[in-house]
């Protein structure tokens, strides 16, 4: 079913663990995932994970490491960031939504102003014009006025701005727990079932 297809764009912001975990969870949930990655994102991947990714000769194992062996990789559809002939560049190609995770401030600016200089930007623009769910996951601090205005413009155009800000009421015990909280919230927005964190419930009052 086409609406089960989801799109992930990874751009050059720090935060590649979010994008990798999101890809993993979407595949485990049985979704077909269309993935496109910028050169800057590949550089960040090397800095944060020590993995070398060749965008011209893509290998899911180079991207995901050992976890790739346990995933249904036939559901992963990779598109080169310069491939404007990819289905996700067209509004007639149906999807259930897109996440830019992580999303650089440069990509935020491009989305805010309708630029389509690569497939990531074009696919995001398509999701906005088709009124489909677009989730932006920026990881930047502090935010200046220009960045705030660009994020506001994206939200006004229909995007969901979901910063990589983990909650602590789940009492995280590891960095992975913090990553999972953010990824789980992205999954919620895109209708992907998960059990990445315990949801908020009213705490029981203390007993004497």
N, C-alpha and C. Protein backbone atom coordinates (compact mmCIF):
# COMPACT_ATOMS: atom_id res chain seq x y z
N UNK A 1 0.85 -1.20 0.00
CA UNK A 1 0.00 0.00 0.00
C UNK A 1 0.88 1.24 0.00
N UNK A 2 0.67 2.15 -0.93
CA UNK A 2 1.57 3.29 -1.10
C UNK A 2 1.63 4.17 0.14
N UNK A 3 0.51 4.33 0.83
CA UNK A 3 0.51 5.21 1.99
C UNK A 3 1.26 4.61 3.17
N UNK A 4 1.68 3.35 3.05
CA UNK A 4 2.57 2.77 4.05
C UNK A 4 4.02 3.16 3.79
N UNK A 5 4.29 3.71 2.59
CA UNK A 5 5.64 4.17 2.27
C UNK A 5 5.94 5.46 3.03
N UNK A 6 7.12 5.52 3.60
CA UNK A 6 7.56 6.72 4.30
C UNK A 6 8.90 7.16 3.74
N UNK A 7 9.21 8.44 3.94
CA UNK A 7 10.44 9.02 3.42
C UNK A 7 11.28 9.54 4.58
N UNK A 8 12.57 9.25 4.53
CA UNK A 8 13.52 9.84 5.48
C UNK A 8 14.58 10.58 4.69
N UNK A 9 14.77 11.84 5.03
CA UNK A 9 15.88 12.62 4.50
C UNK A 9 16.84 12.93 5.63
N UNK A 10 18.10 12.61 5.44
CA UNK A 10 19.12 12.90 6.45
C UNK A 10 20.02 14.00 5.91
N UNK A 11 20.03 15.14 6.59
CA UNK A 11 20.89 16.25 6.16
C UNK A 11 21.99 16.45 7.20
N UNK A 12 22.83 17.46 6.98
CA UNK A 12 24.09 17.54 7.70
C UNK A 12 24.09 18.16 9.06
N UNK A 13 23.12 17.87 9.88
CA UNK A 13 23.14 18.33 11.27
C UNK A 13 23.68 17.21 12.15
N UNK A 14 24.31 17.58 13.25
CA UNK A 14 24.68 16.57 14.23
C UNK A 14 23.41 15.89 14.73
N UNK A 15 23.50 14.58 14.93
CA UNK A 15 22.31 13.85 15.37
C UNK A 15 22.01 12.64 14.51
N UNK A 16 23.04 12.09 13.86
CA UNK A 16 22.79 10.92 13.01
C UNK A 16 22.19 9.74 13.78
N UNK A 17 22.45 9.56 15.08
CA UNK A 17 21.79 8.45 15.78
C UNK A 17 20.27 8.52 15.70
N UNK A 18 19.71 9.72 15.65
CA UNK A 18 18.26 9.84 15.51
C UNK A 18 17.79 9.28 14.17
N UNK A 19 18.47 9.66 13.10
CA UNK A 19 18.07 9.19 11.78
C UNK A 19 18.23 7.70 11.62
N UNK A 20 19.32 7.15 12.14
CA UNK A 20 19.55 5.71 12.02
C UNK A 20 18.52 4.91 12.81
N UNK A 21 18.22 5.36 14.01
CA UNK A 21 17.23 4.65 14.83
C UNK A 21 15.84 4.76 14.21
N UNK A 22 15.52 5.92 13.65
CA UNK A 22 14.22 6.09 13.00
C UNK A 22 14.09 5.14 11.81
N UNK A 23 15.12 5.05 11.01
CA UNK A 23 15.11 4.13 9.88
C UNK A 23 14.91 2.70 10.35
N UNK A 24 15.62 2.33 11.39
CA UNK A 24 15.49 0.98 11.94
C UNK A 24 14.05 0.70 12.38
N UNK A 25 13.46 1.63 13.11
CA UNK A 25 12.12 1.40 13.65
C UNK A 25 11.06 1.35 12.55
N UNK A 26 11.21 2.18 11.53
CA UNK A 26 10.25 2.13 10.43
C UNK A 26 10.31 0.80 9.70
N UNK A 27 11.52 0.31 9.47
CA UNK A 27 11.66 -0.99 8.80
C UNK A 27 11.12 -2.11 9.67
N UNK A 28 11.38 -2.07 10.95
CA UNK A 28 10.88 -3.11 11.85
C UNK A 28 9.36 -3.09 11.93
N UNK A 29 8.77 -1.92 11.70
CA UNK A 29 7.31 -1.80 11.72
C UNK A 29 6.68 -2.25 10.41
N UNK A 30 7.49 -2.70 9.47
CA UNK A 30 6.97 -3.20 8.21
C UNK A 30 6.72 -2.15 7.16
N UNK A 31 7.26 -0.96 7.37
CA UNK A 31 7.08 0.11 6.38
C UNK A 31 8.15 0.03 5.30
N UNK A 32 7.78 0.45 4.10
CA UNK A 32 8.75 0.68 3.05
C UNK A 32 9.30 2.08 3.23
N UNK A 33 10.62 2.21 3.27
CA UNK A 33 11.25 3.49 3.56
C UNK A 33 12.08 3.95 2.37
N UNK A 34 11.79 5.15 1.91
CA UNK A 34 12.57 5.79 0.85
C UNK A 34 13.56 6.73 1.53
N UNK A 35 14.84 6.47 1.33
CA UNK A 35 15.89 7.16 2.05
C UNK A 35 16.76 7.97 1.10
N UNK A 36 17.03 9.22 1.46
CA UNK A 36 17.98 10.03 0.72
C UNK A 36 18.86 10.78 1.71
N UNK A 37 20.13 10.88 1.39
CA UNK A 37 21.14 11.36 2.33
C UNK A 37 22.03 12.39 1.65
N UNK A 38 22.29 13.50 2.33
CA UNK A 38 23.15 14.53 1.76
C UNK A 38 24.62 14.20 2.03
N UNK A 39 25.54 14.76 1.25
CA UNK A 39 26.97 14.55 1.52
C UNK A 39 27.38 15.01 2.92
N UNK A 40 26.79 16.10 3.38
CA UNK A 40 27.12 16.58 4.73
C UNK A 40 26.66 15.58 5.79
N UNK A 41 25.52 14.93 5.55
CA UNK A 41 25.04 13.92 6.48
C UNK A 41 25.99 12.73 6.52
N UNK A 42 26.54 12.37 5.35
CA UNK A 42 27.52 11.28 5.30
C UNK A 42 28.77 11.63 6.09
N UNK A 43 29.18 12.90 6.02
CA UNK A 43 30.34 13.34 6.78
C UNK A 43 30.06 13.29 8.28
N UNK A 44 28.86 13.72 8.67
CA UNK A 44 28.48 13.67 10.08
C UNK A 44 28.46 12.22 10.57
N UNK A 45 27.95 11.31 9.72
CA UNK A 45 27.92 9.90 10.08
C UNK A 45 29.33 9.39 10.41
N UNK A 46 30.31 9.80 9.61
CA UNK A 46 31.69 9.38 9.88
C UNK A 46 32.18 9.96 11.20
N UNK A 47 31.88 11.22 11.46
CA UNK A 47 32.36 11.86 12.68
C UNK A 47 31.69 11.27 13.93
N UNK A 48 30.42 10.88 13.81
CA UNK A 48 29.68 10.42 14.99
C UNK A 48 29.70 8.91 15.17
N UNK A 49 29.91 8.17 14.07
CA UNK A 49 29.88 6.70 14.16
C UNK A 49 31.14 6.04 13.61
N UNK A 50 31.99 6.81 12.93
CA UNK A 50 33.18 6.22 12.33
C UNK A 50 32.88 5.36 11.12
N UNK A 51 31.73 5.59 10.48
CA UNK A 51 31.34 4.80 9.32
C UNK A 51 31.50 5.61 8.04
N UNK A 52 32.11 5.00 7.04
CA UNK A 52 32.30 5.66 5.75
C UNK A 52 31.19 5.23 4.80
N UNK A 53 30.44 6.20 4.29
CA UNK A 53 29.30 5.92 3.43
C UNK A 53 29.56 6.50 2.05
N UNK A 54 29.51 5.65 1.04
CA UNK A 54 29.66 6.07 -0.35
C UNK A 54 28.27 6.28 -0.93
N UNK A 55 27.90 7.52 -1.17
CA UNK A 55 26.55 7.82 -1.65
C UNK A 55 26.31 7.34 -3.07
N UNK A 56 27.38 7.13 -3.83
CA UNK A 56 27.24 6.64 -5.20
C UNK A 56 27.15 5.11 -5.26
N UNK A 57 27.67 4.45 -4.23
CA UNK A 57 27.60 2.99 -4.14
C UNK A 57 27.05 2.64 -2.76
N UNK A 58 25.79 2.94 -2.57
CA UNK A 58 25.18 2.85 -1.25
C UNK A 58 25.12 1.41 -0.76
N UNK A 59 25.47 1.23 0.51
CA UNK A 59 25.33 -0.05 1.19
C UNK A 59 24.63 0.17 2.52
N UNK A 60 23.50 -0.49 2.77
CA UNK A 60 22.83 -0.31 4.06
C UNK A 60 23.69 -0.75 5.23
N UNK A 61 24.60 -1.70 5.00
CA UNK A 61 25.48 -2.13 6.08
C UNK A 61 26.49 -1.04 6.43
N UNK A 62 26.93 -0.28 5.44
CA UNK A 62 27.83 0.85 5.73
C UNK A 62 27.11 1.90 6.55
N UNK A 63 25.82 2.06 6.32
CA UNK A 63 25.03 3.06 7.05
C UNK A 63 24.66 2.59 8.45
N UNK A 64 24.14 1.37 8.55
CA UNK A 64 23.53 0.90 9.79
C UNK A 64 24.43 0.02 10.63
N UNK A 65 25.49 -0.48 10.06
CA UNK A 65 26.35 -1.39 10.81
C UNK A 65 25.70 -2.75 10.99
N UNK A 66 26.01 -3.42 12.09
CA UNK A 66 25.56 -4.79 12.31
C UNK A 66 24.05 -4.92 12.39
N UNK A 67 23.35 -3.86 12.81
CA UNK A 67 21.90 -3.95 12.94
C UNK A 67 21.24 -4.23 11.61
N UNK A 68 21.91 -3.91 10.51
CA UNK A 68 21.34 -4.15 9.18
C UNK A 68 21.02 -5.62 8.95
N UNK A 69 21.78 -6.52 9.59
CA UNK A 69 21.58 -7.95 9.39
C UNK A 69 20.23 -8.43 9.90
N UNK A 70 19.62 -7.68 10.81
CA UNK A 70 18.35 -8.10 11.40
C UNK A 70 17.15 -7.36 10.83
N UNK A 71 17.36 -6.58 9.77
CA UNK A 71 16.29 -5.75 9.22
C UNK A 71 15.83 -6.26 7.85
N UNK A 72 14.55 -6.02 7.51
CA UNK A 72 14.04 -6.38 6.18
C UNK A 72 14.50 -5.36 5.14
N UNK A 73 15.72 -5.51 4.67
CA UNK A 73 16.33 -4.50 3.81
C UNK A 73 15.66 -4.39 2.45
N UNK A 74 14.85 -5.40 2.09
CA UNK A 74 14.11 -5.28 0.82
C UNK A 74 13.10 -4.15 0.86
N UNK A 75 12.78 -3.67 2.05
CA UNK A 75 11.85 -2.54 2.19
C UNK A 75 12.56 -1.19 2.16
N UNK A 76 13.86 -1.20 2.10
CA UNK A 76 14.63 0.05 2.07
C UNK A 76 14.94 0.42 0.63
N UNK A 77 14.47 1.60 0.22
CA UNK A 77 14.69 2.10 -1.14
C UNK A 77 15.56 3.35 -1.06
N UNK A 78 16.79 3.23 -1.51
CA UNK A 78 17.73 4.35 -1.45
C UNK A 78 17.66 5.16 -2.73
N UNK A 79 17.67 6.49 -2.57
CA UNK A 79 17.67 7.41 -3.70
C UNK A 79 18.83 8.40 -3.54
N UNK A 80 19.64 8.53 -4.56
CA UNK A 80 20.75 9.48 -4.53
C UNK A 80 20.20 10.89 -4.39
N UNK A 81 20.90 11.72 -3.63
CA UNK A 81 20.39 13.07 -3.35
C UNK A 81 20.30 13.94 -4.59
N UNK A 82 20.92 13.53 -5.69
CA UNK A 82 20.83 14.28 -6.95
C UNK A 82 19.83 13.67 -7.92
N UNK A 83 19.15 12.62 -7.54
CA UNK A 83 18.26 11.90 -8.45
C UNK A 83 16.85 12.51 -8.44
N UNK A 84 16.64 13.50 -9.28
CA UNK A 84 15.33 14.14 -9.34
C UNK A 84 14.31 13.31 -10.11
N UNK A 85 14.74 12.17 -10.65
CA UNK A 85 13.78 11.28 -11.31
C UNK A 85 13.16 10.29 -10.33
N UNK A 86 13.59 10.32 -9.07
CA UNK A 86 13.04 9.42 -8.06
C UNK A 86 11.56 9.70 -7.84
N UNK A 87 10.82 8.67 -7.50
CA UNK A 87 9.38 8.84 -7.29
C UNK A 87 9.05 9.90 -6.26
N UNK A 88 9.85 9.98 -5.19
CA UNK A 88 9.53 10.91 -4.11
C UNK A 88 9.70 12.37 -4.52
N UNK A 89 10.20 12.61 -5.74
CA UNK A 89 10.29 13.99 -6.25
C UNK A 89 9.00 14.44 -6.88
N UNK A 90 8.01 13.55 -6.95
CA UNK A 90 6.74 13.87 -7.61
C UNK A 90 5.57 13.76 -6.65
N UNK A 91 4.64 14.68 -6.77
CA UNK A 91 3.45 14.63 -5.93
C UNK A 91 2.54 13.47 -6.26
N UNK A 92 2.65 12.90 -7.44
CA UNK A 92 1.79 11.77 -7.80
C UNK A 92 2.26 10.46 -7.18
N UNK A 93 3.46 10.48 -6.59
CA UNK A 93 3.98 9.31 -5.89
C UNK A 93 3.48 9.39 -4.45
N UNK A 94 2.61 8.47 -4.07
CA UNK A 94 1.95 8.55 -2.78
C UNK A 94 2.84 8.04 -1.65
N UNK A 95 2.83 8.76 -0.56
CA UNK A 95 3.53 8.34 0.65
C UNK A 95 2.67 8.67 1.86
N UNK A 96 3.06 8.11 2.99
CA UNK A 96 2.36 8.40 4.23
C UNK A 96 3.00 9.50 5.04
N UNK A 97 4.07 10.10 4.53
CA UNK A 97 4.72 11.19 5.24
C UNK A 97 6.23 11.13 5.11
N UNK A 98 6.88 12.16 5.62
CA UNK A 98 8.33 12.29 5.51
C UNK A 98 8.90 12.88 6.79
N UNK A 99 10.09 12.42 7.15
CA UNK A 99 10.83 13.01 8.27
C UNK A 99 12.19 13.46 7.77
N UNK A 100 12.56 14.68 8.11
CA UNK A 100 13.92 15.16 7.91
C UNK A 100 14.63 15.01 9.25
N UNK A 101 15.46 13.98 9.34
CA UNK A 101 15.99 13.58 10.65
C UNK A 101 17.40 13.02 10.51
N UNK A 102 18.41 13.77 10.96
CA UNK A 102 18.32 15.12 11.49
C UNK A 102 18.17 16.14 10.37
N UNK A 103 17.74 17.33 10.76
CA UNK A 103 17.48 18.39 9.78
C UNK A 103 18.39 19.58 10.09
N UNK A 104 19.28 19.89 9.17
CA UNK A 104 20.19 21.01 9.35
C UNK A 104 19.44 22.34 9.21
N UNK A 105 20.03 23.39 9.74
CA UNK A 105 19.42 24.71 9.59
C UNK A 105 19.42 25.16 8.14
N UNK A 106 20.40 24.71 7.36
CA UNK A 106 20.39 25.02 5.94
C UNK A 106 19.21 24.39 5.23
N UNK A 107 18.89 23.15 5.60
CA UNK A 107 17.73 22.48 5.02
C UNK A 107 16.44 23.13 5.50
N UNK A 108 16.40 23.53 6.76
CA UNK A 108 15.23 24.27 7.26
C UNK A 108 15.00 25.52 6.42
N UNK A 109 16.07 26.26 6.14
CA UNK A 109 15.95 27.48 5.34
C UNK A 109 15.43 27.16 3.94
N UNK A 110 15.94 26.08 3.35
CA UNK A 110 15.49 25.69 2.01
C UNK A 110 14.01 25.34 2.01
N UNK A 111 13.57 24.58 3.01
CA UNK A 111 12.16 24.20 3.09
C UNK A 111 11.30 25.44 3.31
N UNK A 112 11.76 26.34 4.17
CA UNK A 112 10.99 27.55 4.47
C UNK A 112 10.77 28.42 3.25
N UNK A 113 11.71 28.38 2.31
CA UNK A 113 11.65 29.27 1.15
C UNK A 113 11.39 28.54 -0.16
N UNK A 114 10.96 27.28 -0.06
CA UNK A 114 10.55 26.55 -1.25
C UNK A 114 11.66 26.20 -2.21
N UNK A 115 12.88 26.06 -1.71
CA UNK A 115 14.01 25.71 -2.58
C UNK A 115 14.05 24.20 -2.80
N UNK A 116 14.51 23.80 -3.98
CA UNK A 116 14.58 22.38 -4.33
C UNK A 116 15.89 22.10 -5.04
N UNK A 117 16.99 22.30 -4.35
CA UNK A 117 18.30 22.14 -4.97
C UNK A 117 18.82 20.71 -4.89
N UNK A 118 18.18 19.86 -4.11
CA UNK A 118 18.52 18.44 -4.09
C UNK A 118 17.25 17.65 -3.79
N UNK A 119 17.36 16.33 -3.80
CA UNK A 119 16.17 15.50 -3.64
C UNK A 119 15.56 15.64 -2.26
N UNK A 120 16.38 15.85 -1.24
CA UNK A 120 15.84 16.04 0.10
C UNK A 120 14.90 17.24 0.13
N UNK A 121 15.38 18.35 -0.39
CA UNK A 121 14.58 19.57 -0.40
C UNK A 121 13.35 19.42 -1.28
N UNK A 122 13.51 18.79 -2.44
CA UNK A 122 12.38 18.61 -3.35
C UNK A 122 11.31 17.73 -2.72
N UNK A 123 11.72 16.62 -2.10
CA UNK A 123 10.74 15.74 -1.48
C UNK A 123 10.00 16.45 -0.35
N UNK A 124 10.72 17.27 0.42
CA UNK A 124 10.07 18.03 1.49
C UNK A 124 9.06 19.01 0.90
N UNK A 125 9.44 19.68 -0.16
CA UNK A 125 8.55 20.63 -0.82
C UNK A 125 7.30 19.93 -1.34
N UNK A 126 7.48 18.73 -1.89
CA UNK A 126 6.34 17.95 -2.38
C UNK A 126 5.38 17.63 -1.24
N UNK A 127 5.92 17.22 -0.10
CA UNK A 127 5.05 16.87 1.02
C UNK A 127 4.26 18.07 1.52
N UNK A 128 4.86 19.23 1.49
CA UNK A 128 4.13 20.43 1.90
C UNK A 128 3.04 20.78 0.90
N UNK A 129 3.37 20.78 -0.37
CA UNK A 129 2.37 21.20 -1.36
C UNK A 129 1.23 20.20 -1.49
N UNK A 130 1.51 18.92 -1.18
CA UNK A 130 0.48 17.90 -1.24
C UNK A 130 -0.27 17.76 0.09
N UNK A 131 0.08 18.60 1.05
CA UNK A 131 -0.55 18.59 2.37
C UNK A 131 -0.37 17.24 3.08
N UNK A 132 0.83 16.69 2.95
CA UNK A 132 1.16 15.45 3.65
C UNK A 132 2.03 15.78 4.86
N UNK A 133 2.10 14.84 5.78
CA UNK A 133 2.85 15.07 7.01
C UNK A 133 4.34 15.19 6.70
N UNK A 134 4.92 16.29 7.16
CA UNK A 134 6.35 16.53 7.06
C UNK A 134 6.86 16.87 8.45
N UNK A 135 7.78 16.07 8.96
CA UNK A 135 8.32 16.27 10.30
C UNK A 135 9.78 16.70 10.18
N UNK A 136 10.10 17.84 10.77
CA UNK A 136 11.46 18.36 10.78
C UNK A 136 12.06 18.12 12.17
N UNK A 137 13.24 17.52 12.21
CA UNK A 137 13.90 17.23 13.49
C UNK A 137 15.23 17.99 13.54
N UNK A 138 15.17 19.28 13.87
CA UNK A 138 16.42 20.06 13.98
C UNK A 138 17.13 19.74 15.29
N UNK A 139 18.45 19.84 15.26
CA UNK A 139 19.24 19.69 16.48
C UNK A 139 20.29 20.80 16.43
N UNK A 140 19.91 21.92 16.93
CA UNK A 140 20.77 23.10 16.89
C UNK A 140 20.53 23.92 18.14
N UNK A 141 21.58 24.48 18.69
CA UNK A 141 21.43 25.36 19.85
C UNK A 141 22.65 26.26 19.97
N UNK A 142 22.47 27.53 20.30
CA UNK A 142 21.19 28.23 20.42
C UNK A 142 20.61 28.52 19.05
N UNK A 143 19.39 29.01 19.04
CA UNK A 143 18.72 29.39 17.80
C UNK A 143 18.67 30.90 17.69
N UNK A 144 19.15 31.42 16.57
CA UNK A 144 19.07 32.85 16.33
C UNK A 144 17.74 33.24 15.70
N UNK A 145 17.55 34.52 15.50
CA UNK A 145 16.29 35.01 14.96
C UNK A 145 16.01 34.46 13.57
N UNK A 146 17.04 34.36 12.74
CA UNK A 146 16.84 33.83 11.38
C UNK A 146 16.35 32.39 11.44
N UNK A 147 16.98 31.56 12.29
CA UNK A 147 16.57 30.17 12.40
C UNK A 147 15.14 30.06 12.94
N UNK A 148 14.81 30.88 13.92
CA UNK A 148 13.46 30.85 14.49
C UNK A 148 12.42 31.26 13.45
N UNK A 149 12.74 32.26 12.66
CA UNK A 149 11.80 32.69 11.62
C UNK A 149 11.63 31.62 10.56
N UNK A 150 12.73 30.95 10.20
CA UNK A 150 12.62 29.88 9.21
C UNK A 150 11.79 28.71 9.74
N UNK A 151 11.99 28.35 10.99
CA UNK A 151 11.20 27.28 11.59
C UNK A 151 9.73 27.68 11.67
N UNK A 152 9.47 28.94 11.98
CA UNK A 152 8.09 29.43 12.01
C UNK A 152 7.45 29.33 10.63
N UNK A 153 8.20 29.72 9.60
CA UNK A 153 7.69 29.64 8.23
C UNK A 153 7.37 28.20 7.86
N UNK A 154 8.21 27.27 8.27
CA UNK A 154 7.94 25.85 7.99
C UNK A 154 6.67 25.39 8.69
N UNK A 155 6.51 25.79 9.95
CA UNK A 155 5.31 25.41 10.69
C UNK A 155 4.06 26.03 10.07
N UNK A 156 4.16 27.28 9.64
CA UNK A 156 3.02 27.94 9.01
C UNK A 156 2.65 27.27 7.69
N UNK A 157 3.64 26.68 7.01
CA UNK A 157 3.39 25.99 5.74
C UNK A 157 2.83 24.59 5.95
N UNK A 158 2.83 24.12 7.21
CA UNK A 158 2.23 22.83 7.49
C UNK A 158 3.15 21.78 8.06
N UNK A 159 4.43 22.09 8.19
CA UNK A 159 5.37 21.11 8.74
C UNK A 159 5.22 21.00 10.25
N UNK A 160 5.58 19.84 10.78
CA UNK A 160 5.67 19.64 12.22
C UNK A 160 7.13 19.85 12.62
N UNK A 161 7.39 20.82 13.46
CA UNK A 161 8.74 21.07 13.94
C UNK A 161 8.92 20.31 15.25
N UNK A 162 9.75 19.28 15.22
CA UNK A 162 9.94 18.39 16.36
C UNK A 162 11.43 18.38 16.72
N UNK A 163 11.87 19.36 17.50
CA UNK A 163 13.30 19.43 17.84
C UNK A 163 13.76 18.19 18.61
N UNK A 164 15.02 17.89 18.48
CA UNK A 164 15.60 16.74 19.19
C UNK A 164 15.78 17.09 20.65
N UNK A 165 14.65 17.19 21.36
CA UNK A 165 14.63 17.55 22.78
C UNK A 165 14.00 16.41 23.57
N UNK A 166 14.80 15.53 24.15
CA UNK A 166 14.23 14.39 24.87
C UNK A 166 13.58 14.80 26.18
N UNK A 167 12.59 14.01 26.58
CA UNK A 167 11.97 14.20 27.88
C UNK A 167 12.71 13.37 28.93
N UNK A 168 12.59 13.77 30.17
CA UNK A 168 13.30 13.08 31.24
C UNK A 168 12.36 12.42 32.24
N UNK A 169 11.04 12.53 32.02
CA UNK A 169 10.11 11.89 32.95
C UNK A 169 10.14 10.37 32.80
N UNK A 170 10.75 9.88 31.72
CA UNK A 170 10.90 8.43 31.55
C UNK A 170 12.11 7.88 32.31
N UNK A 171 12.85 8.77 32.97
CA UNK A 171 14.05 8.41 33.73
C UNK A 171 15.04 7.63 32.86
N UNK A 172 15.56 8.28 31.83
CA UNK A 172 16.49 7.60 30.92
C UNK A 172 17.75 7.16 31.64
N UNK A 173 18.24 6.00 31.24
CA UNK A 173 19.44 5.43 31.86
C UNK A 173 20.62 5.41 30.90
N UNK A 174 20.41 5.83 29.66
CA UNK A 174 21.49 5.78 28.68
C UNK A 174 21.23 6.81 27.59
N UNK A 175 22.26 7.06 26.78
CA UNK A 175 22.08 7.93 25.62
C UNK A 175 21.05 7.34 24.68
N UNK A 176 21.05 6.00 24.55
CA UNK A 176 20.08 5.36 23.67
C UNK A 176 18.65 5.66 24.11
N UNK A 177 18.41 5.71 25.41
CA UNK A 177 17.07 6.05 25.90
C UNK A 177 16.67 7.45 25.46
N UNK A 178 17.62 8.38 25.47
CA UNK A 178 17.33 9.75 25.04
C UNK A 178 17.03 9.79 23.55
N UNK A 179 17.81 9.05 22.77
CA UNK A 179 17.55 8.97 21.33
C UNK A 179 16.18 8.37 21.08
N UNK A 180 15.87 7.30 21.79
CA UNK A 180 14.60 6.60 21.57
C UNK A 180 13.39 7.47 21.88
N UNK A 181 13.52 8.35 22.86
CA UNK A 181 12.39 9.24 23.16
C UNK A 181 12.05 10.12 21.97
N UNK A 182 13.06 10.73 21.40
CA UNK A 182 12.84 11.62 20.25
C UNK A 182 12.34 10.83 19.06
N UNK A 183 12.96 9.69 18.78
CA UNK A 183 12.55 8.87 17.64
C UNK A 183 11.11 8.38 17.83
N UNK A 184 10.76 8.03 19.05
CA UNK A 184 9.39 7.60 19.31
C UNK A 184 8.38 8.69 19.02
N UNK A 185 8.73 9.92 19.34
CA UNK A 185 7.82 11.04 19.07
C UNK A 185 7.67 11.27 17.57
N UNK A 186 8.76 11.06 16.81
CA UNK A 186 8.66 11.15 15.35
C UNK A 186 7.76 10.04 14.83
N UNK A 187 7.94 8.84 15.34
CA UNK A 187 7.09 7.72 14.94
C UNK A 187 5.62 8.02 15.22
N UNK A 188 5.34 8.63 16.36
CA UNK A 188 3.96 9.00 16.68
C UNK A 188 3.37 9.90 15.60
N UNK A 189 4.13 10.86 15.15
CA UNK A 189 3.64 11.80 14.15
C UNK A 189 3.35 11.11 12.82
N UNK A 190 4.09 10.05 12.52
CA UNK A 190 3.95 9.39 11.22
C UNK A 190 3.15 8.10 11.31
N UNK A 191 2.56 7.84 12.47
CA UNK A 191 1.69 6.68 12.61
C UNK A 191 2.42 5.35 12.64
N UNK A 192 3.65 5.36 13.12
CA UNK A 192 4.45 4.13 13.21
C UNK A 192 4.39 3.62 14.64
N UNK A 193 3.88 2.42 14.83
CA UNK A 193 3.77 1.87 16.17
C UNK A 193 5.15 1.55 16.73
N UNK A 194 5.29 1.75 18.03
CA UNK A 194 6.57 1.49 18.68
C UNK A 194 6.37 1.33 20.17
N UNK A 195 7.41 0.84 20.83
CA UNK A 195 7.43 0.75 22.29
C UNK A 195 8.78 1.25 22.78
N UNK A 196 9.16 2.41 22.28
CA UNK A 196 10.49 2.95 22.56
C UNK A 196 10.61 3.60 23.93
N UNK A 197 9.48 4.01 24.50
CA UNK A 197 9.53 4.62 25.83
C UNK A 197 8.18 4.42 26.51
N UNK A 198 8.18 4.58 27.82
CA UNK A 198 6.93 4.49 28.58
C UNK A 198 6.20 5.81 28.49
N UNK A 199 4.95 5.77 28.09
CA UNK A 199 4.19 7.01 27.93
C UNK A 199 3.79 7.57 29.29
N UNK A 200 3.53 8.87 29.29
CA UNK A 200 3.18 9.56 30.52
C UNK A 200 1.88 9.02 31.08
N UNK A 201 1.88 8.78 32.37
CA UNK A 201 0.66 8.45 33.08
C UNK A 201 0.71 9.18 34.41
N UNK A 202 -0.46 9.46 34.96
CA UNK A 202 -0.50 10.20 36.21
C UNK A 202 0.15 9.37 37.31
N UNK A 203 1.16 9.92 37.97
CA UNK A 203 1.84 9.14 39.01
C UNK A 203 0.92 8.83 40.18
N UNK A 204 1.09 7.64 40.71
CA UNK A 204 0.31 7.26 41.89
C UNK A 204 0.78 8.06 43.10
N UNK A 205 -0.14 8.54 43.91
CA UNK A 205 0.28 9.29 45.11
C UNK A 205 1.00 8.36 46.08
N UNK A 206 1.93 8.92 46.84
CA UNK A 206 2.65 8.08 47.82
C UNK A 206 1.70 7.55 48.88
N UNK A 207 1.97 6.36 49.33
CA UNK A 207 1.15 5.76 50.38
C UNK A 207 1.91 5.81 51.70
N UNK A 208 1.16 5.91 52.77
CA UNK A 208 1.79 5.96 54.10
C UNK A 208 2.31 4.58 54.49
